[in-house]
Amino acid sequence: MAEETDKPLDIYADAYQVSSSPYAATINFSLSSPLPLAPGAPPKVDHLVSIRLSLENLKLLAFFMCRQVQQHEQNYGVDIQLPRQVLNAAQIGPEDWQAFWKRDDRSMGR
């Protein structure tokens, strides 16, 4: 019988942070608490897992993730949009967002 540690992780995360050094990268995944701590206070975030990988693998992962989103949108005939407020909070300018996805203003949150 397989031990508990032999099971693959199955984790849902709603927050992440990517950092890099000259030789490697780390992606930290977290889960926000559904309960607010206080009015106006940021939600409590629990760290779930850290994934460490080479910069080459980080770049490959970014490519594969982009391709997966594009294929999903094409296969299902959808256009996944983000509200402008999300892009603003992530400090992503509209021109950078559009250039990355190579789309017109339809992919931009309204």
Protein backbone atom coordinates (compact mmCIF):
# COMPACT_ATOMS: atom_id res chain seq x y z
CA MET A 1 0.00 0.00 0.00
CA ALA A 2 1.35 3.44 -0.95
CA GLU A 3 2.23 5.82 1.84
CA GLU A 4 0.56 9.22 2.15
CA THR A 5 3.78 10.91 0.98
CA ASP A 6 3.60 9.00 -2.32
CA LYS A 7 0.47 10.88 -3.41
CA PRO A 8 0.97 13.87 -5.70
CA LEU A 9 0.08 17.27 -4.32
CA ASP A 10 -3.26 18.71 -5.37
CA ILE A 11 -3.33 22.34 -4.30
CA TYR A 12 -5.52 25.33 -5.10
CA ALA A 13 -3.79 28.71 -4.82
CA ASP A 14 -5.16 32.18 -5.47
CA ALA A 15 -1.95 34.12 -4.94
CA TYR A 16 1.60 33.71 -6.13
CA GLN A 17 4.92 35.48 -6.12
CA VAL A 18 7.78 34.95 -8.55
CA SER A 19 11.34 35.86 -7.65
CA SER A 20 14.66 35.14 -9.26
CA SER A 21 18.36 35.22 -8.57
CA PRO A 22 21.19 35.13 -11.10
CA TYR A 23 20.94 31.32 -11.22
CA ALA A 24 17.39 30.24 -10.36
CA ALA A 25 13.78 31.24 -9.80
CA THR A 26 11.21 30.53 -7.12
CA ILE A 27 7.43 30.58 -7.43
CA ASN A 28 5.64 30.80 -4.07
CA PHE A 29 1.97 29.81 -4.07
CA SER A 30 -0.43 30.98 -1.35
CA LEU A 31 -4.09 30.88 -0.41
CA SER A 32 -5.98 33.92 0.85
CA SER A 33 -8.30 33.57 3.80
CA PRO A 34 -11.98 33.99 2.89
CA LEU A 35 -12.50 36.00 6.09
CA PRO A 36 -11.32 39.62 6.30
CA LEU A 37 -9.18 40.50 9.31
CA ALA A 38 -10.47 44.07 9.60
CA PRO A 39 -12.07 46.62 7.29
CA GLY A 40 -9.47 47.79 4.80
CA ALA A 41 -6.86 45.28 5.98
CA PRO A 42 -5.34 42.88 3.45
CA PRO A 43 -6.56 39.29 3.78
CA LYS A 44 -4.48 36.76 5.66
CA VAL A 45 -2.42 34.68 3.23
CA ASP A 46 -1.17 31.17 4.00
CA HIS A 47 1.96 30.01 2.18
CA LEU A 48 1.27 26.63 0.54
CA VAL A 49 4.31 25.62 -1.46
CA SER A 50 7.48 26.93 -3.10
CA ILE A 51 8.59 25.66 -6.50
CA ARG A 52 12.25 26.23 -7.35
CA LEU A 53 13.45 25.93 -10.92
CA SER A 54 16.18 27.07 -13.25
CA LEU A 55 15.73 30.29 -15.20
CA GLU A 56 15.61 28.21 -18.39
CA ASN A 57 12.73 26.16 -16.99
CA LEU A 58 10.97 29.32 -15.80
CA LYS A 59 11.10 30.68 -19.34
CA LEU A 60 9.81 27.40 -20.78
CA LEU A 61 7.02 27.31 -18.21
CA ALA A 62 5.98 30.86 -19.12
CA PHE A 63 5.83 29.86 -22.80
CA PHE A 64 3.81 26.70 -22.12
CA MET A 65 1.38 28.56 -19.86
CA CYS A 66 0.82 31.27 -22.47
CA ARG A 67 0.27 28.66 -25.17
CA GLN A 68 -2.16 26.75 -22.93
CA VAL A 69 -4.27 29.87 -22.34
CA GLN A 70 -4.32 30.68 -26.05
CA GLN A 71 -5.33 27.10 -26.97
CA HIS A 72 -8.06 27.11 -24.31
CA GLU A 73 -9.49 30.36 -25.65
CA GLN A 74 -9.39 29.05 -29.21
CA ASN A 75 -10.84 25.62 -28.38
CA TYR A 76 -13.71 27.00 -26.31
CA GLY A 77 -14.32 30.22 -28.24
CA VAL A 78 -13.79 32.39 -25.18
CA ASP A 79 -11.75 35.50 -24.47
CA ILE A 80 -10.49 35.44 -20.89
CA GLN A 81 -10.54 39.03 -19.69
CA LEU A 82 -9.13 40.75 -16.67
CA PRO A 83 -10.62 43.91 -15.20
CA ARG A 84 -8.54 47.05 -15.54
CA GLN A 85 -8.32 47.22 -11.75
CA VAL A 86 -6.48 43.88 -11.70
CA LEU A 87 -3.99 45.04 -14.32
CA ASN A 88 -3.51 48.32 -12.45
CA ALA A 89 -2.91 46.48 -9.17
CA ALA A 90 -0.32 44.28 -10.91
CA GLN A 91 1.24 47.41 -12.45
CA ILE A 92 0.67 46.14 -15.99
CA GLY A 93 0.07 48.87 -18.53
CA PRO A 94 -2.59 48.34 -21.21
CA GLU A 95 0.00 48.52 -23.98
CA ASP A 96 2.16 45.85 -22.31
CA TRP A 97 -0.87 43.57 -21.79
CA GLN A 98 -2.00 43.94 -25.41
CA ALA A 99 1.53 43.44 -26.75
CA PHE A 100 2.03 40.27 -24.69
CA TRP A 101 -1.21 38.68 -25.88
CA LYS A 102 -0.93 40.27 -29.36
CA ARG A 103 -4.58 41.30 -29.30
CA ASP A 104 -6.65 44.41 -29.70
CA ASP A 105 -8.58 46.13 -26.90
CA ARG A 106 -11.11 43.24 -26.64
CA SER A 107 -8.72 41.32 -24.35
CA MET A 108 -8.52 44.29 -22.02
CA GLY A 109 -10.90 44.56 -19.09
CA ARG A 110 -13.57 47.18 -19.55
